[in-house]
Amino acid sequence: QLQLVESGGGLVQPGGSLRLSCTASGFTFRDYSIGWFGQAPGKEREGVSCISGTGGRIVYADSVKGRFTISRDNAKNTVYLQMNSLKPEDTAIYYCAARPSILFSQCLLPKTVSYWGQGTQVTVSS
């Protein structure tokens, strides 16, 4: 059964850190780029960061550059998003998504995603 399962969300104060994990099963993980998307209440889902199947290519949205770091461990079928210096505007449900690596150029766009996880809530508040 194909699955993407996110974990690691929670409530954190401004300036704090969280590490999200996305663990995959049911498909050949290394053949897919993995992206993280955030959806704030009342807003559209937006790309945050993504990483190619080998980990050799990485993209960040301008809003998170210098604060978030994406990485992957293909031996564990897992992608991580280290979130530092969190701001209240980072509050959102974060989803991981998989699409074939050939579509990496579209990796920050919600379209053409093959598989979505169920999401994990991140709340940044004092």
Protein backbone atom coordinates (compact mmCIF):
# COMPACT_ATOMS: atom_id res chain seq x y z
CA GLN A 1 0.00 0.00 0.00
CA LEU A 2 1.39 3.36 -1.04
CA GLN A 3 1.80 5.82 1.83
CA LEU A 4 3.47 9.05 2.85
CA VAL A 5 3.32 9.67 6.58
CA GLU A 6 4.37 12.98 8.13
CA SER A 7 5.35 13.49 11.74
CA GLY A 8 7.07 16.04 13.93
CA GLY A 9 4.60 18.90 13.93
CA GLY A 10 3.52 20.73 17.05
CA LEU A 11 3.31 24.00 18.91
CA VAL A 12 6.49 26.07 19.17
CA GLN A 13 7.31 29.62 20.21
CA PRO A 14 8.59 32.17 17.69
CA GLY A 15 12.29 31.63 17.11
CA GLY A 16 12.01 27.94 17.96
CA SER A 17 12.71 24.85 15.87
CA LEU A 18 10.96 21.72 14.68
CA ARG A 19 12.00 18.80 12.51
CA LEU A 20 9.38 17.25 10.28
CA SER A 21 9.73 13.75 8.88
CA CYS A 22 8.05 12.14 5.88
CA THR A 23 8.34 8.37 5.62
CA ALA A 24 7.29 6.62 2.43
CA SER A 25 6.26 3.09 1.54
CA GLY A 26 4.80 1.28 -1.43
CA PHE A 27 6.86 2.83 -4.22
CA THR A 28 10.52 3.13 -5.31
CA PHE A 29 11.47 6.06 -3.12
CA ARG A 30 14.72 7.02 -4.84
CA ASP A 31 12.88 7.52 -8.15
CA TYR A 32 10.78 10.33 -6.72
CA SER A 33 11.46 13.88 -5.70
CA ILE A 34 9.84 14.82 -2.41
CA GLY A 35 8.44 18.23 -1.61
CA TRP A 36 7.07 19.94 1.47
CA PHE A 37 4.02 22.17 1.10
CA GLY A 38 2.37 24.41 3.65
CA GLN A 39 -1.29 25.37 3.79
CA ALA A 40 -2.33 28.13 6.16
CA PRO A 41 -6.00 28.60 7.09
CA GLY A 42 -7.91 30.16 4.21
CA LYS A 43 -4.93 30.05 1.87
CA GLU A 44 -3.81 27.86 -0.99
CA ARG A 45 -1.24 25.12 -0.55
CA GLU A 46 2.24 26.48 -1.32
CA GLY A 47 5.57 24.83 -1.99
CA VAL A 48 8.15 25.24 0.79
CA SER A 49 11.04 23.06 -0.29
CA CYS A 50 11.81 19.99 -2.36
CA ILE A 51 14.63 17.54 -2.95
CA SER A 52 15.43 15.31 -5.90
CA GLY A 53 15.53 11.53 -5.70
CA THR A 54 19.29 11.40 -5.19
CA GLY A 55 19.34 14.47 -2.96
CA GLY A 56 21.57 16.30 -5.40
CA ARG A 57 19.11 19.06 -6.21
CA ILE A 58 17.30 21.15 -3.63
CA VAL A 59 14.94 24.10 -3.94
CA TYR A 60 13.56 26.45 -1.28
CA ALA A 61 10.81 29.02 -1.38
CA ASP A 62 12.18 32.52 -0.78
CA SER A 63 10.23 32.79 2.47
CA VAL A 64 12.19 29.96 4.12
CA LYS A 65 15.67 30.31 2.62
CA GLY A 66 18.30 30.36 5.34
CA ARG A 67 15.86 29.03 7.95
CA PHE A 68 14.71 25.62 6.68
CA THR A 69 16.85 22.69 5.55
CA ILE A 70 15.57 19.68 3.61
CA SER A 71 17.39 16.35 3.50
CA ARG A 72 16.64 12.72 2.71
CA ASP A 73 17.83 9.27 3.74
CA ASN A 74 16.94 6.85 0.97
CA ALA A 75 17.96 3.87 3.12
CA LYS A 76 15.14 4.84 5.49
CA ASN A 77 12.70 6.07 2.81
CA THR A 78 12.50 9.32 4.75
CA VAL A 79 12.75 13.02 3.99
CA TYR A 80 13.30 15.60 6.73
CA LEU A 81 12.53 19.29 6.99
CA GLN A 82 14.52 21.07 9.69
CA MET A 83 12.67 24.28 10.52
CA ASN A 84 14.64 26.90 12.47
CA SER A 85 13.90 30.50 13.46
CA LEU A 86 10.21 29.81 13.11
CA LYS A 87 7.82 32.72 12.68
CA PRO A 88 4.08 32.99 13.33
CA GLU A 89 3.53 33.19 9.57
CA ASP A 90 5.00 29.68 9.23
CA THR A 91 1.88 28.35 10.96
CA ALA A 92 0.24 25.87 8.59
CA ILE A 93 -0.51 22.25 7.93
CA TYR A 94 2.60 20.82 6.28
CA TYR A 95 2.22 18.09 3.69
CA CYS A 96 4.87 16.03 2.01
CA ALA A 97 4.36 15.07 -1.61
CA ALA A 98 6.04 12.77 -4.10
CA ARG A 99 6.34 13.08 -7.84
CA PRO A 100 8.62 11.37 -10.37
CA SER A 101 12.07 12.91 -10.46
CA ILE A 102 11.65 13.78 -14.13
CA LEU A 103 9.17 16.44 -13.00
CA PHE A 104 11.59 18.07 -10.54
CA SER A 105 11.39 21.42 -12.33
CA GLN A 106 7.79 21.70 -11.08
CA CYS A 107 8.63 20.64 -7.54
CA LEU A 108 7.26 23.73 -5.74
CA LEU A 109 3.95 23.52 -7.59
CA PRO A 110 1.07 21.45 -6.17
CA LYS A 111 0.08 20.23 -9.65
CA THR A 112 1.53 16.96 -11.00
CA VAL A 113 2.07 15.62 -7.48
CA SER A 114 1.59 11.86 -7.57
CA TYR A 115 1.12 11.19 -3.87
CA TRP A 116 0.27 13.34 -0.84
CA GLY A 117 0.67 12.67 2.84
CA GLN A 118 -2.05 13.42 5.37
CA GLY A 119 -0.33 16.50 6.80
CA THR A 120 1.04 17.58 10.16
CA GLN A 121 0.10 20.79 11.97
CA VAL A 122 2.78 23.34 12.79
CA THR A 123 1.72 26.22 15.04
CA VAL A 124 4.11 29.04 15.90
CA SER A 125 2.76 31.15 18.71
CA SER A 126 3.78 32.65 22.01
